[in-house]
Amino acid sequence: MKSEDLGRTSLAGQLLIAMPQMADERFAHSVIYLCAHSAEGAMGIIVNQRAPSLSFPELLRQLDIIPDDQNIRLPAPADRMQVHRGGPVETGRGFVLHSQDFVIANSTMPVQDGICLTATLDILRAIAEGRGPAQAMLALGYAGWGAGQLEAEIQENGWITGPADEGIVFDAALDSKWDRALAKIGIAPAMLSSEAGHA
């Protein structure tokens, strides 16, 4: 993407797929849903990395959403909720990508194609009580880029972009998301070259 296109072309709502030669181990084989992208920078959530050793009920207890001594049985779909590693920035803060059937006024940011982002405790409370969105993905932290940084990384063959879909964003099959994101744009992993400019 050329720098003069920044004002006209936003990648928000797209998937950012790490190339095999990604030098930064934090993003190796990652798939990122881009929530915001402008001339000022970009922000997204990694959708295919689990947070190490933290369950949704443990997180609810840490945040005082449920009492420590409460042995809870979460309603569906909260009982299947995983905690993801959303990126290296603000790792103590929760972000929820979710379907547009749940909106918190002045807090929920619609991204694109029925996918929204909310970063308040209210949505976690709603999910725990069974009144949250039909589809949701909880992540701690996010990935962020300054002005022009993401464009430079794409030009250096660090990332490729592709269309998002709810299956890749929300489903629990994390290990196949990278392959599926590539397949969606017609690329088999074996086709990708580790030499910059030859993908």
N, C-alpha and C. Protein backbone atom coordinates (compact mmCIF):
# COMPACT_ATOMS: atom_id res chain seq x y z
N MET A 1 0.83 -1.18 0.00
CA MET A 1 0.00 0.00 0.00
C MET A 1 0.88 1.24 0.00
N LYS A 2 0.60 2.18 -0.86
CA LYS A 2 1.39 3.41 -0.93
C LYS A 2 0.92 4.36 0.15
N SER A 3 1.85 5.18 0.64
CA SER A 3 1.51 6.08 1.73
C SER A 3 0.41 7.06 1.35
N GLU A 4 0.35 7.44 0.06
CA GLU A 4 -0.70 8.38 -0.33
C GLU A 4 -2.09 7.74 -0.32
N ASP A 5 -2.14 6.40 -0.26
CA ASP A 5 -3.43 5.71 -0.22
C ASP A 5 -3.99 5.63 1.20
N LEU A 6 -3.19 5.99 2.20
CA LEU A 6 -3.60 5.83 3.59
C LEU A 6 -4.93 6.48 3.90
N GLY A 7 -5.13 7.67 3.42
CA GLY A 7 -6.36 8.38 3.74
C GLY A 7 -7.58 7.76 3.09
N ARG A 8 -7.39 6.97 2.04
CA ARG A 8 -8.52 6.43 1.29
C ARG A 8 -8.81 4.98 1.58
N THR A 9 -7.80 4.20 1.98
CA THR A 9 -7.97 2.77 2.12
C THR A 9 -7.76 2.33 3.56
N SER A 10 -8.82 1.84 4.18
CA SER A 10 -8.70 1.31 5.53
C SER A 10 -8.77 -0.21 5.47
N LEU A 11 -7.92 -0.85 6.25
CA LEU A 11 -7.93 -2.30 6.33
C LEU A 11 -8.78 -2.80 7.50
N ALA A 12 -9.48 -1.90 8.19
CA ALA A 12 -10.35 -2.31 9.30
C ALA A 12 -11.35 -3.34 8.81
N GLY A 13 -11.53 -4.40 9.60
CA GLY A 13 -12.44 -5.46 9.23
C GLY A 13 -11.79 -6.56 8.40
N GLN A 14 -10.50 -6.41 8.10
CA GLN A 14 -9.75 -7.40 7.33
C GLN A 14 -8.92 -8.26 8.29
N LEU A 15 -8.45 -9.39 7.78
CA LEU A 15 -7.52 -10.22 8.53
C LEU A 15 -6.10 -9.89 8.10
N LEU A 16 -5.23 -9.83 9.07
CA LEU A 16 -3.80 -9.66 8.84
C LEU A 16 -3.17 -11.01 9.15
N ILE A 17 -2.52 -11.61 8.16
CA ILE A 17 -2.01 -12.97 8.28
C ILE A 17 -0.48 -12.92 8.25
N ALA A 18 0.15 -13.44 9.29
CA ALA A 18 1.62 -13.39 9.37
C ALA A 18 2.23 -14.30 8.32
N MET A 19 3.25 -13.80 7.64
CA MET A 19 4.00 -14.61 6.68
C MET A 19 4.89 -15.58 7.46
N PRO A 20 5.28 -16.71 6.86
CA PRO A 20 6.08 -17.71 7.58
C PRO A 20 7.40 -17.15 8.13
N GLN A 21 7.96 -16.15 7.46
CA GLN A 21 9.25 -15.62 7.91
C GLN A 21 9.11 -14.48 8.93
N MET A 22 7.92 -14.32 9.53
CA MET A 22 7.71 -13.29 10.54
C MET A 22 8.81 -13.36 11.59
N ALA A 23 9.58 -12.28 11.72
CA ALA A 23 10.73 -12.26 12.63
C ALA A 23 10.32 -12.15 14.09
N ASP A 24 9.22 -11.48 14.37
CA ASP A 24 8.76 -11.26 15.74
C ASP A 24 8.01 -12.50 16.22
N GLU A 25 8.61 -13.24 17.16
CA GLU A 25 8.03 -14.50 17.64
C GLU A 25 6.63 -14.31 18.22
N ARG A 26 6.34 -13.13 18.75
CA ARG A 26 5.01 -12.89 19.34
C ARG A 26 3.91 -13.00 18.29
N PHE A 27 4.29 -12.84 17.02
CA PHE A 27 3.29 -12.85 15.95
C PHE A 27 3.46 -14.02 14.98
N ALA A 28 4.31 -14.99 15.32
CA ALA A 28 4.54 -16.13 14.43
C ALA A 28 3.23 -16.87 14.17
N HIS A 29 2.91 -17.08 12.90
CA HIS A 29 1.69 -17.77 12.46
C HIS A 29 0.42 -17.15 13.05
N SER A 30 0.45 -15.86 13.32
CA SER A 30 -0.73 -15.22 13.90
C SER A 30 -1.71 -14.76 12.82
N VAL A 31 -2.97 -14.71 13.23
CA VAL A 31 -4.04 -14.14 12.42
C VAL A 31 -4.64 -13.03 13.28
N ILE A 32 -4.66 -11.83 12.74
CA ILE A 32 -5.13 -10.66 13.49
C ILE A 32 -6.34 -10.07 12.79
N TYR A 33 -7.39 -9.83 13.58
CA TYR A 33 -8.55 -9.12 13.06
C TYR A 33 -8.31 -7.63 13.29
N LEU A 34 -8.22 -6.85 12.20
CA LEU A 34 -7.95 -5.42 12.33
C LEU A 34 -9.22 -4.66 12.69
N CYS A 35 -9.21 -4.01 13.84
CA CYS A 35 -10.37 -3.28 14.33
C CYS A 35 -10.36 -1.82 13.90
N ALA A 36 -9.18 -1.26 13.71
CA ALA A 36 -9.06 0.14 13.31
C ALA A 36 -7.80 0.31 12.47
N HIS A 37 -7.89 1.17 11.46
CA HIS A 37 -6.74 1.44 10.61
C HIS A 37 -6.95 2.79 9.94
N SER A 38 -6.00 3.68 10.13
CA SER A 38 -6.08 5.01 9.54
C SER A 38 -4.66 5.53 9.35
N ALA A 39 -4.55 6.77 8.91
CA ALA A 39 -3.23 7.38 8.74
C ALA A 39 -2.48 7.48 10.07
N GLU A 40 -3.22 7.46 11.18
CA GLU A 40 -2.59 7.59 12.50
C GLU A 40 -2.03 6.26 13.02
N GLY A 41 -2.46 5.14 12.44
CA GLY A 41 -1.97 3.84 12.91
C GLY A 41 -3.03 2.77 12.78
N ALA A 42 -2.80 1.65 13.46
CA ALA A 42 -3.72 0.51 13.35
C ALA A 42 -3.78 -0.23 14.68
N MET A 43 -4.89 -0.94 14.88
CA MET A 43 -5.11 -1.72 16.10
C MET A 43 -5.88 -2.97 15.72
N GLY A 44 -5.45 -4.12 16.27
CA GLY A 44 -6.14 -5.36 15.99
C GLY A 44 -6.00 -6.35 17.12
N ILE A 45 -6.75 -7.45 17.00
CA ILE A 45 -6.77 -8.50 18.01
C ILE A 45 -6.32 -9.81 17.36
N ILE A 46 -5.31 -10.47 17.97
CA ILE A 46 -4.90 -11.79 17.50
C ILE A 46 -6.03 -12.77 17.83
N VAL A 47 -6.48 -13.54 16.84
CA VAL A 47 -7.63 -14.43 17.06
C VAL A 47 -7.25 -15.90 17.13
N ASN A 48 -5.96 -16.21 17.09
CA ASN A 48 -5.57 -17.63 17.10
C ASN A 48 -4.49 -17.98 18.12
N GLN A 49 -4.46 -17.23 19.24
CA GLN A 49 -3.50 -17.56 20.32
C GLN A 49 -4.24 -17.58 21.65
N ARG A 50 -4.08 -18.67 22.39
CA ARG A 50 -4.68 -18.77 23.73
C ARG A 50 -3.82 -18.01 24.74
N ALA A 51 -4.49 -17.46 25.75
CA ALA A 51 -3.76 -16.90 26.89
C ALA A 51 -3.29 -18.08 27.73
N PRO A 52 -2.02 -18.11 28.10
CA PRO A 52 -1.53 -19.27 28.86
C PRO A 52 -2.20 -19.39 30.22
N SER A 53 -2.68 -20.58 30.49
CA SER A 53 -3.20 -20.99 31.81
C SER A 53 -4.14 -20.00 32.49
N LEU A 54 -5.11 -19.49 31.77
CA LEU A 54 -6.12 -18.64 32.39
C LEU A 54 -7.48 -19.00 31.79
N SER A 55 -8.40 -19.43 32.67
CA SER A 55 -9.73 -19.78 32.20
C SER A 55 -10.66 -18.59 32.36
N PHE A 56 -11.79 -18.65 31.67
CA PHE A 56 -12.77 -17.57 31.76
C PHE A 56 -13.29 -17.41 33.20
N PRO A 57 -13.67 -18.49 33.92
CA PRO A 57 -14.09 -18.31 35.31
C PRO A 57 -13.01 -17.69 36.19
N GLU A 58 -11.74 -18.08 35.98
CA GLU A 58 -10.64 -17.48 36.76
C GLU A 58 -10.55 -15.99 36.49
N LEU A 59 -10.70 -15.61 35.21
CA LEU A 59 -10.65 -14.19 34.87
C LEU A 59 -11.80 -13.44 35.53
N LEU A 60 -13.00 -14.03 35.51
CA LEU A 60 -14.16 -13.40 36.15
C LEU A 60 -13.91 -13.19 37.64
N ARG A 61 -13.26 -14.17 38.28
CA ARG A 61 -12.95 -14.02 39.71
C ARG A 61 -11.90 -12.93 39.94
N GLN A 62 -10.86 -12.91 39.09
CA GLN A 62 -9.81 -11.88 39.23
C GLN A 62 -10.38 -10.47 39.09
N LEU A 63 -11.38 -10.32 38.24
CA LEU A 63 -11.97 -9.01 37.99
C LEU A 63 -13.12 -8.69 38.94
N ASP A 64 -13.34 -9.57 39.92
CA ASP A 64 -14.43 -9.39 40.90
C ASP A 64 -15.81 -9.34 40.25
N ILE A 65 -15.95 -10.01 39.12
CA ILE A 65 -17.27 -10.11 38.49
C ILE A 65 -18.07 -11.21 39.18
N ILE A 66 -17.38 -12.25 39.65
CA ILE A 66 -18.01 -13.27 40.48
C ILE A 66 -17.15 -13.43 41.74
N PRO A 67 -17.77 -13.79 42.87
CA PRO A 67 -16.99 -13.94 44.11
C PRO A 67 -16.03 -15.13 44.03
N ASP A 68 -14.93 -15.03 44.78
CA ASP A 68 -13.93 -16.09 44.82
C ASP A 68 -14.50 -17.44 45.23
N ASP A 69 -15.44 -17.41 46.15
CA ASP A 69 -15.94 -18.67 46.70
C ASP A 69 -17.14 -19.22 45.93
N GLN A 70 -17.52 -18.54 44.88
CA GLN A 70 -18.69 -18.99 44.12
C GLN A 70 -18.29 -20.06 43.11
N ASN A 71 -18.87 -21.23 43.25
CA ASN A 71 -18.63 -22.31 42.30
C ASN A 71 -19.68 -22.19 41.20
N ILE A 72 -19.29 -21.54 40.13
CA ILE A 72 -20.30 -21.18 39.14
C ILE A 72 -20.44 -22.20 38.04
N ARG A 73 -21.62 -22.26 37.51
CA ARG A 73 -21.89 -22.99 36.27
C ARG A 73 -22.31 -21.92 35.27
N LEU A 74 -21.43 -21.64 34.34
CA LEU A 74 -21.72 -20.58 33.38
C LEU A 74 -22.74 -21.06 32.35
N PRO A 75 -23.65 -20.16 31.95
CA PRO A 75 -24.60 -20.51 30.90
C PRO A 75 -23.89 -20.54 29.54
N ALA A 76 -24.47 -21.27 28.59
CA ALA A 76 -23.93 -21.27 27.22
C ALA A 76 -24.19 -19.89 26.61
N PRO A 77 -23.32 -19.34 25.78
CA PRO A 77 -22.06 -19.92 25.33
C PRO A 77 -20.87 -19.60 26.24
N ALA A 78 -21.14 -18.93 27.39
CA ALA A 78 -20.04 -18.54 28.29
C ALA A 78 -19.28 -19.75 28.82
N ASP A 79 -19.95 -20.91 28.92
CA ASP A 79 -19.28 -22.10 29.46
C ASP A 79 -18.18 -22.61 28.53
N ARG A 80 -18.19 -22.16 27.28
CA ARG A 80 -17.15 -22.57 26.32
C ARG A 80 -16.17 -21.44 26.02
N MET A 81 -16.31 -20.32 26.68
CA MET A 81 -15.48 -19.15 26.40
C MET A 81 -14.02 -19.42 26.75
N GLN A 82 -13.13 -19.13 25.81
CA GLN A 82 -11.69 -19.23 26.04
C GLN A 82 -11.14 -17.82 26.23
N VAL A 83 -10.01 -17.73 26.89
CA VAL A 83 -9.31 -16.45 27.02
C VAL A 83 -8.15 -16.49 26.03
N HIS A 84 -8.08 -15.50 25.15
CA HIS A 84 -7.06 -15.44 24.11
C HIS A 84 -6.00 -14.39 24.45
N ARG A 85 -4.86 -14.55 23.82
CA ARG A 85 -3.81 -13.53 23.88
C ARG A 85 -4.02 -12.64 22.67
N GLY A 86 -4.51 -11.42 22.92
CA GLY A 86 -4.88 -10.53 21.82
C GLY A 86 -3.73 -9.74 21.23
N GLY A 87 -2.61 -9.67 21.95
CA GLY A 87 -1.46 -8.92 21.48
C GLY A 87 -0.62 -8.44 22.64
N PRO A 88 0.53 -7.84 22.33
CA PRO A 88 1.48 -7.47 23.39
C PRO A 88 1.22 -6.13 24.06
N VAL A 89 0.22 -5.38 23.61
CA VAL A 89 -0.06 -4.06 24.18
C VAL A 89 -1.21 -4.16 25.18
N GLU A 90 -1.04 -3.53 26.36
CA GLU A 90 -2.07 -3.51 27.41
C GLU A 90 -2.60 -4.92 27.71
N THR A 91 -1.69 -5.82 28.05
CA THR A 91 -2.06 -7.23 28.25
C THR A 91 -2.94 -7.46 29.48
N GLY A 92 -3.08 -6.48 30.33
CA GLY A 92 -3.98 -6.61 31.48
C GLY A 92 -5.39 -6.15 31.17
N ARG A 93 -5.63 -5.72 29.96
CA ARG A 93 -6.94 -5.18 29.59
C ARG A 93 -7.66 -6.15 28.67
N GLY A 94 -8.96 -6.34 28.90
CA GLY A 94 -9.74 -7.26 28.09
C GLY A 94 -10.44 -6.57 26.93
N PHE A 95 -10.49 -7.27 25.81
CA PHE A 95 -11.17 -6.80 24.61
C PHE A 95 -12.06 -7.94 24.11
N VAL A 96 -13.30 -7.63 23.76
CA VAL A 96 -14.20 -8.66 23.28
C VAL A 96 -14.64 -8.31 21.86
N LEU A 97 -14.29 -9.19 20.92
CA LEU A 97 -14.85 -9.12 19.57
C LEU A 97 -16.15 -9.90 19.64
N HIS A 98 -17.22 -9.36 19.07
CA HIS A 98 -18.51 -10.04 19.22
C HIS A 98 -19.47 -9.69 18.09
N SER A 99 -20.54 -10.49 18.02
CA SER A 99 -21.59 -10.26 17.03
C SER A 99 -22.38 -9.01 17.40
N GLN A 100 -23.04 -8.42 16.39
CA GLN A 100 -23.70 -7.13 16.59
C GLN A 100 -25.06 -7.22 17.28
N ASP A 101 -25.42 -8.42 17.76
CA ASP A 101 -26.69 -8.56 18.48
C ASP A 101 -26.60 -8.02 19.91
N PHE A 102 -25.43 -7.59 20.33
CA PHE A 102 -25.23 -7.04 21.67
C PHE A 102 -24.44 -5.74 21.54
N VAL A 103 -25.00 -4.66 22.07
CA VAL A 103 -24.34 -3.35 21.97
C VAL A 103 -24.47 -2.64 23.31
N ILE A 104 -23.37 -2.06 23.78
CA ILE A 104 -23.38 -1.21 24.96
C ILE A 104 -23.20 0.23 24.47
N ALA A 105 -24.18 1.07 24.74
CA ALA A 105 -24.15 2.45 24.26
C ALA A 105 -22.87 3.15 24.71
N ASN A 106 -22.25 3.86 23.79
CA ASN A 106 -21.03 4.63 24.02
C ASN A 106 -19.80 3.78 24.34
N SER A 107 -19.92 2.45 24.23
CA SER A 107 -18.78 1.58 24.51
C SER A 107 -18.47 0.63 23.37
N THR A 108 -19.50 0.17 22.67
CA THR A 108 -19.32 -0.79 21.59
C THR A 108 -18.96 -0.08 20.30
N MET A 109 -17.90 -0.57 19.64
CA MET A 109 -17.47 0.02 18.37
C MET A 109 -17.75 -0.98 17.25
N PRO A 110 -18.70 -0.67 16.35
CA PRO A 110 -18.89 -1.54 15.20
C PRO A 110 -17.65 -1.48 14.32
N VAL A 111 -17.18 -2.65 13.84
CA VAL A 111 -16.01 -2.66 12.97
C VAL A 111 -16.47 -2.84 11.53
N GLN A 112 -16.98 -4.03 11.21
CA GLN A 112 -17.43 -4.29 9.84
C GLN A 112 -18.14 -5.63 9.78
N ASP A 113 -19.08 -5.75 8.86
CA ASP A 113 -19.76 -7.02 8.56
C ASP A 113 -20.30 -7.72 9.81
N GLY A 114 -20.93 -6.96 10.69
CA GLY A 114 -21.58 -7.56 11.86
C GLY A 114 -20.67 -7.89 13.01
N ILE A 115 -19.41 -7.47 12.96
CA ILE A 115 -18.46 -7.72 14.06
C ILE A 115 -18.19 -6.40 14.78
N CYS A 116 -18.27 -6.46 16.11
CA CYS A 116 -18.07 -5.28 16.95
C CYS A 116 -16.96 -5.53 17.96
N LEU A 117 -16.49 -4.46 18.58
CA LEU A 117 -15.47 -4.53 19.62
C LEU A 117 -15.97 -3.77 20.84
N THR A 118 -15.91 -4.42 22.01
CA THR A 118 -16.26 -3.76 23.27
C THR A 118 -15.16 -4.09 24.28
N ALA A 119 -14.76 -3.08 25.05
CA ALA A 119 -13.66 -3.26 26.00
C ALA A 119 -14.05 -2.79 27.40
N THR A 120 -15.24 -3.19 27.86
CA THR A 120 -15.66 -2.82 29.21
C THR A 120 -16.00 -4.08 30.01
N LEU A 121 -16.00 -3.95 31.34
CA LEU A 121 -16.37 -5.08 32.19
C LEU A 121 -17.82 -5.46 32.00
N ASP A 122 -18.66 -4.51 31.57
CA ASP A 122 -20.09 -4.79 31.41
C ASP A 122 -20.35 -5.95 30.46
N ILE A 123 -19.58 -6.05 29.40
CA ILE A 123 -19.82 -7.15 28.45
C ILE A 123 -19.42 -8.49 29.07
N LEU A 124 -18.37 -8.52 29.88
CA LEU A 124 -17.98 -9.77 30.55
C LEU A 124 -19.06 -10.19 31.54
N ARG A 125 -19.61 -9.22 32.24
CA ARG A 125 -20.70 -9.50 33.18
C ARG A 125 -21.90 -10.08 32.44
N ALA A 126 -22.23 -9.46 31.28
CA ALA A 126 -23.37 -9.92 30.49
C ALA A 126 -23.15 -11.34 29.98
N ILE A 127 -21.93 -11.63 29.51
CA ILE A 127 -21.62 -12.99 29.03
C ILE A 127 -21.75 -13.99 30.17
N ALA A 128 -21.20 -13.65 31.34
CA ALA A 128 -21.25 -14.55 32.50
C ALA A 128 -22.68 -14.83 32.94
N GLU A 129 -23.58 -13.87 32.71
CA GLU A 129 -24.98 -14.02 33.13
C GLU A 129 -25.86 -14.59 32.02
N GLY A 130 -25.25 -14.89 30.86
CA GLY A 130 -26.02 -15.50 29.78
C GLY A 130 -26.85 -14.53 28.96
N ARG A 131 -26.54 -13.23 29.06
CA ARG A 131 -27.30 -12.24 28.29
C ARG A 131 -26.39 -11.45 27.34
N GLY A 132 -25.24 -12.03 27.03
CA GLY A 132 -24.28 -11.37 26.14
C GLY A 132 -24.55 -11.70 24.68
N PRO A 133 -23.59 -11.39 23.83
CA PRO A 133 -23.75 -11.65 22.39
C PRO A 133 -23.77 -13.14 22.08
N ALA A 134 -24.37 -13.49 20.94
CA ALA A 134 -24.43 -14.89 20.51
C ALA A 134 -23.05 -15.42 20.21
N GLN A 135 -22.19 -14.59 19.65
CA GLN A 135 -20.81 -14.98 19.35
C GLN A 135 -19.86 -13.97 19.97
N ALA A 136 -18.82 -14.48 20.63
CA ALA A 136 -17.87 -13.57 21.27
C ALA A 136 -16.52 -14.24 21.39
N MET A 137 -15.47 -13.43 21.33
CA MET A 137 -14.10 -13.87 21.51
C MET A 137 -13.40 -12.89 22.44
N LEU A 138 -12.96 -13.37 23.58
CA LEU A 138 -12.33 -12.53 24.60
C LEU A 138 -10.82 -12.61 24.48
N ALA A 139 -10.17 -11.45 24.46
CA ALA A 139 -8.71 -11.41 24.36
C ALA A 139 -8.15 -10.43 25.38
N LEU A 140 -6.98 -10.77 25.90
CA LEU A 140 -6.24 -9.86 26.77
C LEU A 140 -5.15 -9.21 25.93
N GLY A 141 -5.15 -7.89 25.89
CA GLY A 141 -4.18 -7.15 25.11
C GLY A 141 -4.58 -7.02 23.66
N TYR A 142 -3.79 -6.23 22.93
CA TYR A 142 -4.05 -6.03 21.50
C TYR A 142 -2.73 -5.78 20.78
N ALA A 143 -2.80 -5.80 19.46
CA ALA A 143 -1.64 -5.48 18.63
C ALA A 143 -1.83 -4.06 18.10
N GLY A 144 -0.79 -3.26 18.17
CA GLY A 144 -0.91 -1.87 17.72
C GLY A 144 0.27 -1.44 16.88
N TRP A 145 0.01 -0.52 15.96
CA TRP A 145 1.04 0.03 15.08
C TRP A 145 0.90 1.54 15.02
N GLY A 146 2.03 2.24 14.97
CA GLY A 146 2.02 3.68 14.80
C GLY A 146 1.80 4.06 13.34
N ALA A 147 1.77 5.35 13.08
CA ALA A 147 1.53 5.85 11.73
C ALA A 147 2.52 5.26 10.73
N GLY A 148 2.01 4.62 9.69
CA GLY A 148 2.85 4.08 8.64
C GLY A 148 3.56 2.76 8.96
N GLN A 149 3.53 2.34 10.21
CA GLN A 149 4.29 1.15 10.62
C GLN A 149 3.73 -0.13 9.99
N LEU A 150 2.41 -0.30 10.04
CA LEU A 150 1.82 -1.51 9.46
C LEU A 150 2.04 -1.56 7.95
N GLU A 151 1.87 -0.43 7.29
CA GLU A 151 2.08 -0.39 5.84
C GLU A 151 3.51 -0.82 5.49
N ALA A 152 4.48 -0.35 6.30
CA ALA A 152 5.89 -0.72 6.06
C ALA A 152 6.09 -2.22 6.24
N GLU A 153 5.46 -2.79 7.28
CA GLU A 153 5.60 -4.23 7.53
C GLU A 153 4.97 -5.06 6.42
N ILE A 154 3.86 -4.57 5.86
CA ILE A 154 3.23 -5.27 4.74
C ILE A 154 4.13 -5.20 3.51
N GLN A 155 4.69 -4.03 3.24
CA GLN A 155 5.58 -3.87 2.09
C GLN A 155 6.85 -4.70 2.23
N GLU A 156 7.27 -4.94 3.48
CA GLU A 156 8.46 -5.76 3.73
C GLU A 156 8.13 -7.26 3.76
N ASN A 157 6.92 -7.61 3.35
CA ASN A 157 6.49 -9.01 3.23
C ASN A 157 6.34 -9.70 4.59
N GLY A 158 6.00 -8.91 5.63
CA GLY A 158 5.76 -9.51 6.94
C GLY A 158 4.34 -10.01 7.09
N TRP A 159 3.41 -9.38 6.39
CA TRP A 159 1.99 -9.71 6.51
C TRP A 159 1.34 -9.73 5.13
N ILE A 160 0.26 -10.49 5.03
CA ILE A 160 -0.65 -10.35 3.90
C ILE A 160 -2.04 -10.15 4.48
N THR A 161 -2.90 -9.53 3.72
CA THR A 161 -4.25 -9.25 4.21
C THR A 161 -5.27 -10.08 3.45
N GLY A 162 -6.38 -10.31 4.09
CA GLY A 162 -7.45 -11.06 3.46
C GLY A 162 -8.77 -10.77 4.13
N PRO A 163 -9.86 -11.22 3.54
CA PRO A 163 -11.18 -10.95 4.10
C PRO A 163 -11.41 -11.75 5.38
N ALA A 164 -12.16 -11.16 6.29
CA ALA A 164 -12.51 -11.86 7.53
C ALA A 164 -13.84 -12.56 7.37
N ASP A 165 -14.07 -13.58 8.17
CA ASP A 165 -15.41 -14.13 8.29
C ASP A 165 -15.61 -14.55 9.75
N GLU A 166 -16.86 -14.71 10.13
CA GLU A 166 -17.17 -14.99 11.54
C GLU A 166 -16.56 -16.30 12.01
N GLY A 167 -16.46 -17.30 11.12
CA GLY A 167 -15.88 -18.57 11.51
C GLY A 167 -14.44 -18.42 11.95
N ILE A 168 -13.67 -17.70 11.15
CA ILE A 168 -12.25 -17.52 11.50
C ILE A 168 -12.10 -16.65 12.75
N VAL A 169 -12.94 -15.65 12.90
CA VAL A 169 -12.83 -14.77 14.06
C VAL A 169 -13.29 -15.47 15.34
N PHE A 170 -14.44 -16.14 15.29
CA PHE A 170 -15.07 -16.60 16.52
C PHE A 170 -14.89 -18.06 16.89
N ASP A 171 -14.62 -18.95 15.95
CA ASP A 171 -14.65 -20.36 16.35
C ASP A 171 -13.44 -20.74 17.20
N ALA A 172 -13.56 -21.90 17.85
CA ALA A 172 -12.55 -22.33 18.83
C ALA A 172 -11.40 -23.12 18.22
N ALA A 173 -11.44 -23.39 16.92
CA ALA A 173 -10.39 -24.18 16.27
C ALA A 173 -9.19 -23.29 15.95
N LEU A 174 -8.47 -22.90 16.99
CA LEU A 174 -7.38 -21.92 16.84
C LEU A 174 -6.25 -22.42 15.95
N ASP A 175 -5.93 -23.71 16.06
CA ASP A 175 -4.77 -24.25 15.35
C ASP A 175 -4.92 -24.23 13.83
N SER A 176 -6.15 -24.16 13.33
CA SER A 176 -6.35 -24.17 11.88
C SER A 176 -6.65 -22.79 11.30
N LYS A 177 -6.72 -21.77 12.13
CA LYS A 177 -7.13 -20.45 11.63
C LYS A 177 -6.14 -19.86 10.63
N TRP A 178 -4.84 -20.05 10.86
CA TRP A 178 -3.84 -19.49 9.94
C TRP A 178 -4.00 -20.12 8.57
N ASP A 179 -4.10 -21.46 8.53
CA ASP A 179 -4.28 -22.16 7.25
C ASP A 179 -5.59 -21.75 6.58
N ARG A 180 -6.65 -21.63 7.36
CA ARG A 180 -7.96 -21.28 6.79
C ARG A 180 -7.97 -19.85 6.26
N ALA A 181 -7.30 -18.94 6.98
CA ALA A 181 -7.24 -17.55 6.51
C ALA A 181 -6.50 -17.47 5.18
N LEU A 182 -5.41 -18.24 5.05
CA LEU A 182 -4.68 -18.28 3.78
C LEU A 182 -5.53 -18.92 2.68
N ALA A 183 -6.21 -20.02 3.01
CA ALA A 183 -7.04 -20.70 2.01
C ALA A 183 -8.14 -19.79 1.49
N LYS A 184 -8.64 -18.91 2.34
CA LYS A 184 -9.71 -17.99 1.95
C LYS A 184 -9.26 -17.04 0.84
N ILE A 185 -7.96 -16.79 0.76
CA ILE A 185 -7.44 -15.93 -0.32
C ILE A 185 -6.70 -16.77 -1.38
N GLY A 186 -6.92 -18.08 -1.33
CA GLY A 186 -6.39 -18.95 -2.38
C GLY A 186 -4.92 -19.28 -2.27
N ILE A 187 -4.38 -19.24 -1.05
CA ILE A 187 -2.95 -19.52 -0.87
C ILE A 187 -2.76 -20.75 0.01
N ALA A 188 -1.96 -21.69 -0.46
CA ALA A 188 -1.55 -22.83 0.36
C ALA A 188 -0.25 -22.45 1.06
N PRO A 189 -0.09 -22.78 2.35
CA PRO A 189 1.14 -22.41 3.05
C PRO A 189 2.41 -22.78 2.31
N ALA A 190 2.42 -23.91 1.61
CA ALA A 190 3.61 -24.35 0.87
C ALA A 190 3.98 -23.40 -0.26
N MET A 191 3.01 -22.59 -0.72
CA MET A 191 3.27 -21.65 -1.81
C MET A 191 4.06 -20.44 -1.34
N LEU A 192 4.06 -20.18 -0.04
CA LEU A 192 4.68 -18.96 0.47
C LEU A 192 6.18 -19.10 0.52
N SER A 193 6.86 -18.13 -0.04
CA SER A 193 8.32 -18.13 -0.05
C SER A 193 8.83 -17.35 1.15
N SER A 194 9.97 -17.74 1.65
CA SER A 194 10.56 -16.99 2.75
C SER A 194 11.39 -15.81 2.25
N GLU A 195 11.45 -15.64 0.95
CA GLU A 195 12.19 -14.49 0.40
C GLU A 195 11.24 -13.34 0.19
N ALA A 196 11.59 -12.19 0.73
CA ALA A 196 10.74 -11.02 0.62
C ALA A 196 10.49 -10.70 -0.85
N GLY A 197 9.24 -10.40 -1.14
CA GLY A 197 8.88 -10.01 -2.50
C GLY A 197 8.59 -11.15 -3.42
N HIS A 198 8.66 -12.41 -2.93
CA HIS A 198 8.43 -13.54 -3.81
C HIS A 198 7.28 -14.41 -3.33
N ALA A 199 6.32 -13.85 -2.61
CA ALA A 199 5.19 -14.65 -2.13
C ALA A 199 4.26 -14.97 -3.28
